[in-house]
All heavy atoms as atom14 arrays in JSON, in Angstrom:
{
  "sequence": "QAPIAGAPCPTVARLGAGFARIRRHPRRAALPPATLDRAAGLYRDL",
  "atom14_mask": [
    [1, 1, 1, 1, 1, 1, 1, 1, 1, 0, 0, 0, 0, 0],
    [1, 1, 1, 1, 1, 0, 0, 0, 0, 0, 0, 0, 0, 0],
    [1, 1, 1, 1, 1, 1, 1, 0, 0, 0, 0, 0, 0, 0],
    [1, 1, 1, 1, 1, 1, 1, 1, 0, 0, 0, 0, 0, 0],
    [1, 1, 1, 1, 1, 0, 0, 0, 0, 0, 0, 0, 0, 0],
    [1, 1, 1, 1, 0, 0, 0, 0, 0, 0, 0, 0, 0, 0],
    [1, 1, 1, 1, 1, 0, 0, 0, 0, 0, 0, 0, 0, 0],
    [1, 1, 1, 1, 1, 1, 1, 0, 0, 0, 0, 0, 0, 0],
    [1, 1, 1, 1, 1, 1, 0, 0, 0, 0, 0, 0, 0, 0],
    [1, 1, 1, 1, 1, 1, 1, 0, 0, 0, 0, 0, 0, 0],
    [1, 1, 1, 1, 1, 1, 1, 0, 0, 0, 0, 0, 0, 0],
    [1, 1, 1, 1, 1, 1, 1, 0, 0, 0, 0, 0, 0, 0],
    [1, 1, 1, 1, 1, 0, 0, 0, 0, 0, 0, 0, 0, 0],
    [1, 1, 1, 1, 1, 1, 1, 1, 1, 1, 1, 0, 0, 0],
    [1, 1, 1, 1, 1, 1, 1, 1, 0, 0, 0, 0, 0, 0],
    [1, 1, 1, 1, 0, 0, 0, 0, 0, 0, 0, 0, 0, 0],
    [1, 1, 1, 1, 1, 0, 0, 0, 0, 0, 0, 0, 0, 0],
    [1, 1, 1, 1, 0, 0, 0, 0, 0, 0, 0, 0, 0, 0],
    [1, 1, 1, 1, 1, 1, 1, 1, 1, 1, 1, 0, 0, 0],
    [1, 1, 1, 1, 1, 0, 0, 0, 0, 0, 0, 0, 0, 0],
    [1, 1, 1, 1, 1, 1, 1, 1, 1, 1, 1, 0, 0, 0],
    [1, 1, 1, 1, 1, 1, 1, 1, 0, 0, 0, 0, 0, 0],
    [1, 1, 1, 1, 1, 1, 1, 1, 1, 1, 1, 0, 0, 0],
    [1, 1, 1, 1, 1, 1, 1, 1, 1, 1, 1, 0, 0, 0],
    [1, 1, 1, 1, 1, 1, 1, 1, 1, 1, 0, 0, 0, 0],
    [1, 1, 1, 1, 1, 1, 1, 0, 0, 0, 0, 0, 0, 0],
    [1, 1, 1, 1, 1, 1, 1, 1, 1, 1, 1, 0, 0, 0],
    [1, 1, 1, 1, 1, 1, 1, 1, 1, 1, 1, 0, 0, 0],
    [1, 1, 1, 1, 1, 0, 0, 0, 0, 0, 0, 0, 0, 0],
    [1, 1, 1, 1, 1, 0, 0, 0, 0, 0, 0, 0, 0, 0],
    [1, 1, 1, 1, 1, 1, 1, 1, 0, 0, 0, 0, 0, 0],
    [1, 1, 1, 1, 1, 1, 1, 0, 0, 0, 0, 0, 0, 0],
    [1, 1, 1, 1, 1, 1, 1, 0, 0, 0, 0, 0, 0, 0],
    [1, 1, 1, 1, 1, 0, 0, 0, 0, 0, 0, 0, 0, 0],
    [1, 1, 1, 1, 1, 1, 1, 0, 0, 0, 0, 0, 0, 0],
    [1, 1, 1, 1, 1, 1, 1, 1, 0, 0, 0, 0, 0, 0],
    [1, 1, 1, 1, 1, 1, 1, 1, 0, 0, 0, 0, 0, 0],
    [1, 1, 1, 1, 1, 1, 1, 1, 1, 1, 1, 0, 0, 0],
    [1, 1, 1, 1, 1, 0, 0, 0, 0, 0, 0, 0, 0, 0],
    [1, 1, 1, 1, 1, 0, 0, 0, 0, 0, 0, 0, 0, 0],
    [1, 1, 1, 1, 0, 0, 0, 0, 0, 0, 0, 0, 0, 0],
    [1, 1, 1, 1, 1, 1, 1, 1, 0, 0, 0, 0, 0, 0],
    [1, 1, 1, 1, 1, 1, 1, 1, 1, 1, 1, 1, 0, 0],
    [1, 1, 1, 1, 1, 1, 1, 1, 1, 1, 1, 0, 0, 0],
    [1, 1, 1, 1, 1, 1, 1, 1, 0, 0, 0, 0, 0, 0],
    [1, 1, 1, 1, 1, 1, 1, 1, 0, 0, 0, 0, 0, 0]
  ],
  "atom14_positions": [
    [[-12.46, -29.09, 7.89], [-13.26, -30.13, 7.24], [-14.31, -29.57, 6.42], [-14.99, -30.35, 5.77], [-13.9, -31.01, 8.41], [-12.91, -31.62, 9.38], [-11.79, -32.46, 8.67], [-12.13, -33.27, 7.83], [-10.55, -32.13, 9.03], [0.0, 0.0, 0.0], [0.0, 0.0, 0.0], [0.0, 0.0, 0.0], [0.0, 0.0, 0.0], [0.0, 0.0, 0.0]],
    [[-14.5, -28.28, 6.42], [-15.63, -27.65, 5.63], [-15.34, -27.8, 4.13], [-14.21, -27.83, 3.68], [-15.72, -26.19, 6.02], [0.0, 0.0, 0.0], [0.0, 0.0, 0.0], [0.0, 0.0, 0.0], [0.0, 0.0, 0.0], [0.0, 0.0, 0.0], [0.0, 0.0, 0.0], [0.0, 0.0, 0.0], [0.0, 0.0, 0.0], [0.0, 0.0, 0.0]],
    [[-16.46, -27.88, 3.31], [-16.4, -27.99, 1.9], [-15.76, -26.7, 1.27], [-15.98, -25.65, 1.77], [-17.79, -28.24, 1.39], [-18.67, -27.61, 2.46], [-17.86, -27.86, 3.8], [0.0, 0.0, 0.0], [0.0, 0.0, 0.0], [0.0, 0.0, 0.0], [0.0, 0.0, 0.0], [0.0, 0.0, 0.0], [0.0, 0.0, 0.0], [0.0, 0.0, 0.0]],
    [[-14.89, -26.87, 0.3], [-14.2, -25.67, -0.28], [-14.84, -25.26, -1.64], [-14.6, -24.09, -2.07], [-12.71, -25.95, -0.49], [-12.46, -27.06, -1.52], [-12.1, -26.29, 0.8], [-10.97, -27.17, -1.87], [0.0, 0.0, 0.0], [0.0, 0.0, 0.0], [0.0, 0.0, 0.0], [0.0, 0.0, 0.0], [0.0, 0.0, 0.0], [0.0, 0.0, 0.0]],
    [[-15.54, -26.12, -2.27], [-16.1, -25.77, -3.56], [-16.99, -24.53, -3.55], [-17.97, -24.5, -2.79], [-16.93, -26.99, -4.23], [0.0, 0.0, 0.0], [0.0, 0.0, 0.0], [0.0, 0.0, 0.0], [0.0, 0.0, 0.0], [0.0, 0.0, 0.0], [0.0, 0.0, 0.0], [0.0, 0.0, 0.0], [0.0, 0.0, 0.0], [0.0, 0.0, 0.0]],
    [[-16.63, -23.54, -4.35], [-17.44, -22.29, -4.38], [-17.39, -21.41, -3.14], [-18.23, -20.54, -3.0], [0.0, 0.0, 0.0], [0.0, 0.0, 0.0], [0.0, 0.0, 0.0], [0.0, 0.0, 0.0], [0.0, 0.0, 0.0], [0.0, 0.0, 0.0], [0.0, 0.0, 0.0], [0.0, 0.0, 0.0], [0.0, 0.0, 0.0], [0.0, 0.0, 0.0]],
    [[-16.38, -21.63, -2.33], [-16.24, -20.82, -1.12], [-16.03, -19.36, -1.49], [-15.2, -19.07, -2.38], [-15.1, -21.33, -0.26], [0.0, 0.0, 0.0], [0.0, 0.0, 0.0], [0.0, 0.0, 0.0], [0.0, 0.0, 0.0], [0.0, 0.0, 0.0], [0.0, 0.0, 0.0], [0.0, 0.0, 0.0], [0.0, 0.0, 0.0], [0.0, 0.0, 0.0]],
    [[-16.69, -18.42, -0.77], [-16.54, -17.03, -1.16], [-15.35, -16.28, -0.54], [-15.45, -15.37, 0.19], [-17.87, -16.39, -0.58], [-18.05, -17.16, 0.64], [-17.54, -18.59, 0.35], [0.0, 0.0, 0.0], [0.0, 0.0, 0.0], [0.0, 0.0, 0.0], [0.0, 0.0, 0.0], [0.0, 0.0, 0.0], [0.0, 0.0, 0.0], [0.0, 0.0, 0.0]],
    [[-14.18, -16.79, -0.97], [-12.99, -16.17, -0.4], [-11.83, -16.3, -1.33], [-11.83, -17.16, -2.21], [-12.68, -16.77, 1.02], [-12.59, -18.55, 1.02], [0.0, 0.0, 0.0], [0.0, 0.0, 0.0], [0.0, 0.0, 0.0], [0.0, 0.0, 0.0], [0.0, 0.0, 0.0], [0.0, 0.0, 0.0], [0.0, 0.0, 0.0], [0.0, 0.0, 0.0]],
    [[-10.82, -15.49, -1.18], [-9.61, -15.53, -2.04], [-8.69, -16.7, -1.76], [-8.75, -17.29, -0.76], [-8.95, -14.17, -1.78], [-9.25, -13.93, -0.34], [-10.67, -14.41, -0.16], [0.0, 0.0, 0.0], [0.0, 0.0, 0.0], [0.0, 0.0, 0.0], [0.0, 0.0, 0.0], [0.0, 0.0, 0.0], [0.0, 0.0, 0.0], [0.0, 0.0, 0.0]],
    [[-7.86, -16.97, -2.76], [-6.8, -18.0, -2.49], [-5.73, -17.33, -1.69], [-5.55, -16.13, -1.7], [-6.23, -18.47, -3.85], [-5.6, -17.37, -4.5], [-7.32, -19.04, -4.72], [0.0, 0.0, 0.0], [0.0, 0.0, 0.0], [0.0, 0.0, 0.0], [0.0, 0.0, 0.0], [0.0, 0.0, 0.0], [0.0, 0.0, 0.0], [0.0, 0.0, 0.0]],
    [[-4.88, -18.18, -1.11], [-3.69, -17.71, -0.4], [-2.79, -16.88, -1.31], [-2.26, -15.85, -0.96], [-2.98, -18.88, 0.26], [-1.56, -18.53, 0.66], [-3.76, -19.38, 1.49], [0.0, 0.0, 0.0], [0.0, 0.0, 0.0], [0.0, 0.0, 0.0], [0.0, 0.0, 0.0], [0.0, 0.0, 0.0], [0.0, 0.0, 0.0], [0.0, 0.0, 0.0]],
    [[-2.64, -17.37, -2.54], [-1.77, -16.74, -3.46], [-2.25, -15.3, -3.79], [-1.45, -14.33, -3.8], [-1.67, -17.53, -4.82], [0.0, 0.0, 0.0], [0.0, 0.0, 0.0], [0.0, 0.0, 0.0], [0.0, 0.0, 0.0], [0.0, 0.0, 0.0], [0.0, 0.0, 0.0], [0.0, 0.0, 0.0], [0.0, 0.0, 0.0], [0.0, 0.0, 0.0]],
    [[-3.53, -15.17, -3.83], [-4.1, -13.82, -4.16], [-3.91, -12.88, -2.98], [-3.66, -11.66, -3.21], [-5.62, -13.94, -4.46], [-6.34, -12.64, -4.77], [-7.76, -12.9, -5.05], [-8.52, -11.74, -4.94], [-9.9, -11.63, -4.85], [-10.58, -12.79, -4.95], [-10.54, -10.48, -4.7], [0.0, 0.0, 0.0], [0.0, 0.0, 0.0], [0.0, 0.0, 0.0]],
    [[-3.99, -13.33, -1.79], [-3.72, -12.5, -0.62], [-2.34, -11.93, -0.64], [-2.1, -10.84, -0.03], [-3.98, -13.23, 0.65], [-5.42, -13.62, 0.97], [-5.53, -14.51, 2.21], [-6.27, -12.4, 1.14], [0.0, 0.0, 0.0], [0.0, 0.0, 0.0], [0.0, 0.0, 0.0], [0.0, 0.0, 0.0], [0.0, 0.0, 0.0], [0.0, 0.0, 0.0]],
    [[-1.46, -12.61, -1.25], [-0.03, -12.11, -1.3], [0.1, -10.86, -2.23], [1.22, -10.35, -2.29], [0.0, 0.0, 0.0], [0.0, 0.0, 0.0], [0.0, 0.0, 0.0], [0.0, 0.0, 0.0], [0.0, 0.0, 0.0], [0.0, 0.0, 0.0], [0.0, 0.0, 0.0], [0.0, 0.0, 0.0], [0.0, 0.0, 0.0], [0.0, 0.0, 0.0]],
    [[-0.98, -10.42, -2.83], [-0.83, -9.21, -3.68], [-0.42, -8.01, -2.92], [0.0, -7.0, -3.56], [-2.13, -8.94, -4.46], [0.0, 0.0, 0.0], [0.0, 0.0, 0.0], [0.0, 0.0, 0.0], [0.0, 0.0, 0.0], [0.0, 0.0, 0.0], [0.0, 0.0, 0.0], [0.0, 0.0, 0.0], [0.0, 0.0, 0.0], [0.0, 0.0, 0.0]],
    [[-0.57, -8.02, -1.66], [-0.21, -6.87, -0.78], [1.28, -6.54, -0.96], [1.64, -5.4, -0.75], [0.0, 0.0, 0.0], [0.0, 0.0, 0.0], [0.0, 0.0, 0.0], [0.0, 0.0, 0.0], [0.0, 0.0, 0.0], [0.0, 0.0, 0.0], [0.0, 0.0, 0.0], [0.0, 0.0, 0.0], [0.0, 0.0, 0.0], [0.0, 0.0, 0.0]],
    [[2.12, -7.52, -1.21], [3.56, -7.24, -1.42], [3.81, -6.33, -2.57], [4.74, -5.54, -2.5], [4.25, -8.54, -1.52], [4.4, -9.35, -0.28], [3.64, -10.5, -0.15], [5.2, -8.92, 0.77], [3.7, -11.24, 1.03], [5.31, -9.66, 1.93], [4.53, -10.85, 2.09], [0.0, 0.0, 0.0], [0.0, 0.0, 0.0], [0.0, 0.0, 0.0]],
    [[3.05, -6.45, -3.6], [3.13, -5.6, -4.76], [2.55, -4.25, -4.54], [3.13, -3.2, -4.9], [2.54, -6.24, -6.04], [0.0, 0.0, 0.0], [0.0, 0.0, 0.0], [0.0, 0.0, 0.0], [0.0, 0.0, 0.0], [0.0, 0.0, 0.0], [0.0, 0.0, 0.0], [0.0, 0.0, 0.0], [0.0, 0.0, 0.0], [0.0, 0.0, 0.0]],
    [[1.38, -4.21, -3.86], [0.67, -2.91, -3.58], [1.56, -2.02, -2.7], [1.58, -0.8, -2.98], [-0.61, -3.17, -2.89], [-1.69, -3.79, -3.8], [-3.07, -3.65, -3.09], [-3.09, -4.16, -1.71], [-3.41, -5.38, -1.33], [-3.68, -6.24, -2.28], [-3.45, -5.69, -0.08], [0.0, 0.0, 0.0], [0.0, 0.0, 0.0], [0.0, 0.0, 0.0]],
    [[2.27, -2.56, -1.72], [2.92, -1.67, -0.79], [4.05, -0.93, -1.4], [4.45, 0.15, -0.96], [3.5, -2.51, 0.44], [3.9, -1.58, 1.59], [4.64, -3.41, -0.02], [2.77, -0.9, 2.22], [0.0, 0.0, 0.0], [0.0, 0.0, 0.0], [0.0, 0.0, 0.0], [0.0, 0.0, 0.0], [0.0, 0.0, 0.0], [0.0, 0.0, 0.0]],
    [[4.53, -1.43, -2.53], [5.64, -0.77, -3.21], [5.24, 0.51, -3.83], [6.06, 1.42, -4.18], [6.34, -1.67, -4.27], [6.87, -2.91, -3.64], [7.52, -3.82, -4.65], [7.85, -5.13, -4.07], [8.96, -5.39, -3.31], [9.85, -4.41, -3.1], [9.21, -6.59, -2.88], [0.0, 0.0, 0.0], [0.0, 0.0, 0.0], [0.0, 0.0, 0.0]],
    [[3.87, 0.75, -3.99], [3.3, 2.02, -4.47], [2.77, 2.91, -3.38], [2.23, 3.95, -3.68], [2.31, 1.68, -5.56], [2.81, 0.86, -6.73], [1.74, 0.69, -7.75], [0.56, -0.03, -7.27], [0.4, -1.36, -7.28], [1.37, -2.12, -7.74], [-0.75, -1.9, -6.83], [0.0, 0.0, 0.0], [0.0, 0.0, 0.0], [0.0, 0.0, 0.0]],
    [[2.83, 2.43, -2.14], [2.18, 3.11, -1.03], [3.07, 4.24, -0.52], [4.27, 4.08, -0.46], [1.87, 2.15, 0.07], [0.88, 2.62, 1.06], [1.17, 3.52, 2.05], [-0.47, 2.36, 1.28], [0.13, 3.78, 2.77], [-0.88, 3.07, 2.36], [0.0, 0.0, 0.0], [0.0, 0.0, 0.0], [0.0, 0.0, 0.0], [0.0, 0.0, 0.0]],
    [[2.47, 5.41, -0.17], [3.28, 6.5, 0.38], [4.1, 6.18, 1.6], [5.14, 6.76, 1.82], [2.15, 7.57, 0.68], [1.02, 7.18, -0.19], [1.05, 5.78, -0.36], [0.0, 0.0, 0.0], [0.0, 0.0, 0.0], [0.0, 0.0, 0.0], [0.0, 0.0, 0.0], [0.0, 0.0, 0.0], [0.0, 0.0, 0.0], [0.0, 0.0, 0.0]],
    [[3.56, 5.15, 2.38], [4.31, 4.83, 3.6], [5.14, 3.58, 3.44], [5.54, 2.86, 4.42], [3.31, 4.66, 4.73], [2.67, 5.92, 5.26], [2.16, 5.7, 6.67], [3.19, 5.26, 7.56], [2.94, 4.66, 8.71], [1.75, 4.28, 9.06], [3.94, 4.29, 9.54], [0.0, 0.0, 0.0], [0.0, 0.0, 0.0], [0.0, 0.0, 0.0]],
    [[5.58, 3.26, 2.26], [6.31, 2.02, 1.96], [7.71, 2.08, 2.76], [8.22, 1.01, 3.09], [6.63, 1.77, 0.52], [7.32, 2.94, -0.18], [7.41, 2.66, -1.67], [8.08, 3.8, -2.36], [7.47, 4.94, -2.73], [6.21, 5.13, -2.49], [8.19, 5.87, -3.42], [0.0, 0.0, 0.0], [0.0, 0.0, 0.0], [0.0, 0.0, 0.0]],
    [[8.24, 3.27, 3.03], [9.49, 3.4, 3.74], [9.41, 2.87, 5.16], [10.42, 2.67, 5.81], [9.96, 4.8, 3.76], [0.0, 0.0, 0.0], [0.0, 0.0, 0.0], [0.0, 0.0, 0.0], [0.0, 0.0, 0.0], [0.0, 0.0, 0.0], [0.0, 0.0, 0.0], [0.0, 0.0, 0.0], [0.0, 0.0, 0.0], [0.0, 0.0, 0.0]],
    [[8.24, 2.62, 5.67], [8.04, 2.15, 7.02], [8.54, 0.64, 7.14], [8.77, 0.2, 8.23], [6.6, 2.22, 7.52], [0.0, 0.0, 0.0], [0.0, 0.0, 0.0], [0.0, 0.0, 0.0], [0.0, 0.0, 0.0], [0.0, 0.0, 0.0], [0.0, 0.0, 0.0], [0.0, 0.0, 0.0], [0.0, 0.0, 0.0], [0.0, 0.0, 0.0]],
    [[8.7, 0.02, 6.01], [9.12, -1.37, 6.03], [10.54, -1.43, 5.35], [10.7, -0.97, 4.23], [8.16, -2.28, 5.23], [6.78, -2.36, 5.8], [5.92, -3.23, 4.96], [6.87, -2.93, 7.26], [0.0, 0.0, 0.0], [0.0, 0.0, 0.0], [0.0, 0.0, 0.0], [0.0, 0.0, 0.0], [0.0, 0.0, 0.0], [0.0, 0.0, 0.0]],
    [[11.51, -2.05, 6.03], [12.83, -2.12, 5.38], [12.71, -2.91, 4.07], [12.16, -4.02, 3.96], [13.59, -3.03, 6.43], [12.88, -2.8, 7.68], [11.47, -2.63, 7.31], [0.0, 0.0, 0.0], [0.0, 0.0, 0.0], [0.0, 0.0, 0.0], [0.0, 0.0, 0.0], [0.0, 0.0, 0.0], [0.0, 0.0, 0.0], [0.0, 0.0, 0.0]],
    [[13.33, -2.3, 3.03], [13.31, -2.95, 1.67], [13.78, -4.44, 1.63], [13.14, -5.27, 1.0], [14.13, -2.12, 0.8], [14.09, -0.78, 1.43], [13.98, -1.08, 2.93], [0.0, 0.0, 0.0], [0.0, 0.0, 0.0], [0.0, 0.0, 0.0], [0.0, 0.0, 0.0], [0.0, 0.0, 0.0], [0.0, 0.0, 0.0], [0.0, 0.0, 0.0]],
    [[14.86, -4.73, 2.36], [15.37, -6.09, 2.38], [14.35, -7.05, 2.99], [14.24, -8.21, 2.55], [16.73, -6.13, 3.1], [0.0, 0.0, 0.0], [0.0, 0.0, 0.0], [0.0, 0.0, 0.0], [0.0, 0.0, 0.0], [0.0, 0.0, 0.0], [0.0, 0.0, 0.0], [0.0, 0.0, 0.0], [0.0, 0.0, 0.0], [0.0, 0.0, 0.0]],
    [[13.74, -6.65, 4.13], [12.74, -7.43, 4.75], [11.56, -7.77, 3.84], [11.02, -8.81, 3.76], [12.27, -6.81, 6.07], [13.45, -6.72, 6.91], [11.2, -7.62, 6.78], [0.0, 0.0, 0.0], [0.0, 0.0, 0.0], [0.0, 0.0, 0.0], [0.0, 0.0, 0.0], [0.0, 0.0, 0.0], [0.0, 0.0, 0.0], [0.0, 0.0, 0.0]],
    [[11.14, -6.63, 3.21], [10.02, -6.76, 2.27], [10.33, -7.7, 1.14], [9.52, -8.57, 0.79], [9.65, -5.35, 1.71], [8.41, -5.28, 0.78], [7.17, -5.76, 1.52], [8.21, -3.85, 0.29], [0.0, 0.0, 0.0], [0.0, 0.0, 0.0], [0.0, 0.0, 0.0], [0.0, 0.0, 0.0], [0.0, 0.0, 0.0], [0.0, 0.0, 0.0]],
    [[11.51, -7.62, 0.57], [11.91, -8.5, -0.59], [11.96, -9.93, -0.1], [11.53, -10.83, -0.84], [13.22, -8.03, -1.15], [13.2, -6.7, -1.93], [12.08, -6.29, -2.17], [14.25, -6.11, -2.03], [0.0, 0.0, 0.0], [0.0, 0.0, 0.0], [0.0, 0.0, 0.0], [0.0, 0.0, 0.0], [0.0, 0.0, 0.0], [0.0, 0.0, 0.0]],
    [[12.56, -10.17, 1.05], [12.67, -11.57, 1.52], [11.32, -12.17, 1.84], [11.07, -13.29, 1.37], [13.58, -11.55, 2.87], [13.8, -12.91, 3.39], [14.62, -12.89, 4.63], [15.04, -14.24, 5.03], [15.64, -14.48, 6.21], [16.07, -13.51, 6.96], [15.94, -15.74, 6.57], [0.0, 0.0, 0.0], [0.0, 0.0, 0.0], [0.0, 0.0, 0.0]],
    [[10.46, -11.41, 2.4], [9.11, -11.91, 2.74], [8.33, -12.2, 1.47], [7.61, -13.14, 1.35], [8.33, -10.98, 3.7], [0.0, 0.0, 0.0], [0.0, 0.0, 0.0], [0.0, 0.0, 0.0], [0.0, 0.0, 0.0], [0.0, 0.0, 0.0], [0.0, 0.0, 0.0], [0.0, 0.0, 0.0], [0.0, 0.0, 0.0], [0.0, 0.0, 0.0]],
    [[8.42, -11.25, 0.49], [7.62, -11.4, -0.8], [8.08, -12.64, -1.47], [7.3, -13.43, -2.01], [7.85, -10.17, -1.59], [0.0, 0.0, 0.0], [0.0, 0.0, 0.0], [0.0, 0.0, 0.0], [0.0, 0.0, 0.0], [0.0, 0.0, 0.0], [0.0, 0.0, 0.0], [0.0, 0.0, 0.0], [0.0, 0.0, 0.0], [0.0, 0.0, 0.0]],
    [[9.35, -12.86, -1.58], [9.89, -14.04, -2.24], [9.54, -15.32, -1.53], [9.11, -16.33, -2.2], [0.0, 0.0, 0.0], [0.0, 0.0, 0.0], [0.0, 0.0, 0.0], [0.0, 0.0, 0.0], [0.0, 0.0, 0.0], [0.0, 0.0, 0.0], [0.0, 0.0, 0.0], [0.0, 0.0, 0.0], [0.0, 0.0, 0.0], [0.0, 0.0, 0.0]],
    [[9.58, -15.32, -0.26], [9.15, -16.51, 0.55], [7.72, -16.86, 0.37], [7.3, -18.03, 0.19], [9.53, -16.3, 2.01], [9.15, -17.43, 3.03], [9.82, -18.72, 2.64], [9.55, -16.97, 4.46], [0.0, 0.0, 0.0], [0.0, 0.0, 0.0], [0.0, 0.0, 0.0], [0.0, 0.0, 0.0], [0.0, 0.0, 0.0], [0.0, 0.0, 0.0]],
    [[6.89, -15.78, 0.46], [5.47, -15.94, 0.36], [5.13, -16.57, -1.04], [4.34, -17.46, -1.2], [4.67, -14.61, 0.53], [3.18, -14.84, 0.79], [2.67, -14.73, 2.05], [2.34, -15.03, -0.35], [1.27, -14.89, 2.23], [1.02, -15.18, -0.14], [0.42, -15.07, 1.15], [-0.92, -15.26, 1.36], [0.0, 0.0, 0.0], [0.0, 0.0, 0.0]],
    [[5.73, -15.97, -2.1], [5.48, -16.46, -3.44], [5.9, -17.94, -3.62], [5.13, -18.74, -4.15], [6.29, -15.6, -4.37], [6.18, -16.0, -5.89], [6.95, -15.11, -6.82], [8.41, -15.28, -6.51], [9.1, -14.28, -5.95], [8.59, -13.1, -5.68], [10.44, -14.52, -5.69], [0.0, 0.0, 0.0], [0.0, 0.0, 0.0], [0.0, 0.0, 0.0]],
    [[7.06, -18.28, -3.04], [7.54, -19.67, -3.17], [6.6, -20.65, -2.43], [6.29, -21.77, -2.89], [8.94, -19.81, -2.65], [9.95, -19.09, -3.54], [9.6, -18.75, -4.7], [11.09, -18.88, -3.07], [0.0, 0.0, 0.0], [0.0, 0.0, 0.0], [0.0, 0.0, 0.0], [0.0, 0.0, 0.0], [0.0, 0.0, 0.0], [0.0, 0.0, 0.0]],
    [[6.2, -20.25, -1.21], [5.28, -21.11, -0.45], [3.98, -21.27, -1.1], [3.41, -22.42, -1.15], [5.14, -20.5, 0.98], [6.26, -20.67, 1.95], [6.08, -19.79, 3.13], [6.57, -22.11, 2.39], [0.0, 0.0, 0.0], [0.0, 0.0, 0.0], [0.0, 0.0, 0.0], [0.0, 0.0, 0.0], [0.0, 0.0, 0.0], [0.0, 0.0, 0.0]]
  ]
}
């Protein structure tokens, strides 16, 4: 119920930037590529 105008926080869409960042991370192999692709597409669509 709280007011949203000027709230000091990112949008949900912006939080999804992690899917792009992880592809450049040294430990990206810790996540299965197919799982990462599926989740990234789903997050983007939602």
